[in-house]
Amino acid sequence: MNMQESNYQYFMETDISNYVGEWIAICGENIIAHGKNLKRVVEEAKKNSKGKKFLLAKVPSEETMIF
């Protein structure tokens, strides 16, 4: 499994309810940045990822349906 697949699997399987309504960045099966401002999350993720690819996702509310 490559890094992106691993990051996505972590996103799908981890309890991220503490981040509802926020952007999160995942790298190496860790949340390396989060917040409501996407630009700031990306900047922090670039610093914390040490050159590795990271996954960005917006954590939906419980009422959001994902198809």
Protein backbone atom coordinates (compact mmCIF):
# COMPACT_ATOMS: atom_id res chain seq x y z
CA MET A 1 0.00 0.00 0.00
CA ASN A 2 1.41 3.40 -0.94
CA MET A 3 1.45 6.47 1.30
CA GLN A 4 -1.71 8.04 -0.18
CA GLU A 5 -3.68 4.80 0.19
CA SER A 6 -2.42 4.44 3.76
CA ASN A 7 -3.41 8.04 4.58
CA TYR A 8 -6.88 7.54 3.06
CA GLN A 9 -7.40 4.29 4.95
CA TYR A 10 -6.42 6.06 8.18
CA PHE A 11 -8.96 8.83 7.39
CA MET A 12 -11.74 6.29 6.83
CA GLU A 13 -10.99 4.15 9.90
CA THR A 14 -10.04 6.70 12.57
CA ASP A 15 -12.40 8.55 14.91
CA ILE A 16 -12.01 12.13 13.69
CA SER A 17 -15.10 13.47 15.43
CA ASN A 18 -12.97 16.00 17.35
CA TYR A 19 -12.26 17.74 14.02
CA VAL A 20 -15.84 18.17 12.67
CA GLY A 21 -16.00 21.20 10.40
CA GLU A 22 -12.21 21.46 10.14
CA TRP A 23 -9.62 20.64 7.53
CA ILE A 24 -7.17 17.92 8.51
CA ALA A 25 -3.88 16.84 6.99
CA ILE A 26 -2.84 13.21 7.38
CA CYS A 27 0.66 11.87 6.81
CA GLY A 28 2.07 8.52 7.89
CA GLU A 29 -1.15 7.62 9.70
CA ASN A 30 -0.99 10.77 11.84
CA ILE A 31 -2.99 13.98 11.82
CA ILE A 32 -0.20 16.49 11.28
CA ALA A 33 -2.31 19.67 11.00
CA HIS A 34 -5.91 20.76 11.44
CA GLY A 35 -8.03 23.90 11.51
CA LYS A 36 -10.76 25.87 9.80
CA ASN A 37 -8.37 27.84 7.56
CA LEU A 38 -7.25 25.65 4.65
CA LYS A 39 -4.26 27.80 3.76
CA ARG A 40 -2.88 27.61 7.31
CA VAL A 41 -3.48 23.86 7.48
CA VAL A 42 -1.55 23.37 4.23
CA GLU A 43 1.32 25.54 5.46
CA GLU A 44 1.54 23.63 8.74
CA ALA A 45 1.25 20.28 6.96
CA LYS A 46 4.11 21.14 4.61
CA LYS A 47 6.31 21.88 7.62
CA ASN A 48 5.28 18.75 9.51
CA SER A 49 5.29 16.25 6.62
CA LYS A 50 9.07 16.44 6.08
CA GLY A 51 8.68 16.30 2.31
CA LYS A 52 6.25 13.35 2.27
CA LYS A 53 2.87 13.45 0.53
CA PHE A 54 -0.06 14.17 2.80
CA LEU A 55 -3.82 13.87 2.48
CA LEU A 56 -6.08 16.89 2.97
CA ALA A 57 -9.70 16.36 3.92
CA LYS A 58 -12.57 18.39 5.31
CA VAL A 59 -14.21 16.53 8.18
CA PRO A 60 -17.95 16.58 7.53
CA SER A 61 -20.66 17.00 10.12
CA GLU A 62 -22.56 13.89 11.13
CA GLU A 63 -25.49 15.04 9.02
CA THR A 64 -23.46 15.09 5.80
CA MET A 65 -24.04 12.18 3.44
CA ILE A 66 -21.06 11.01 1.42
CA PHE A 67 -21.73 9.00 -1.72
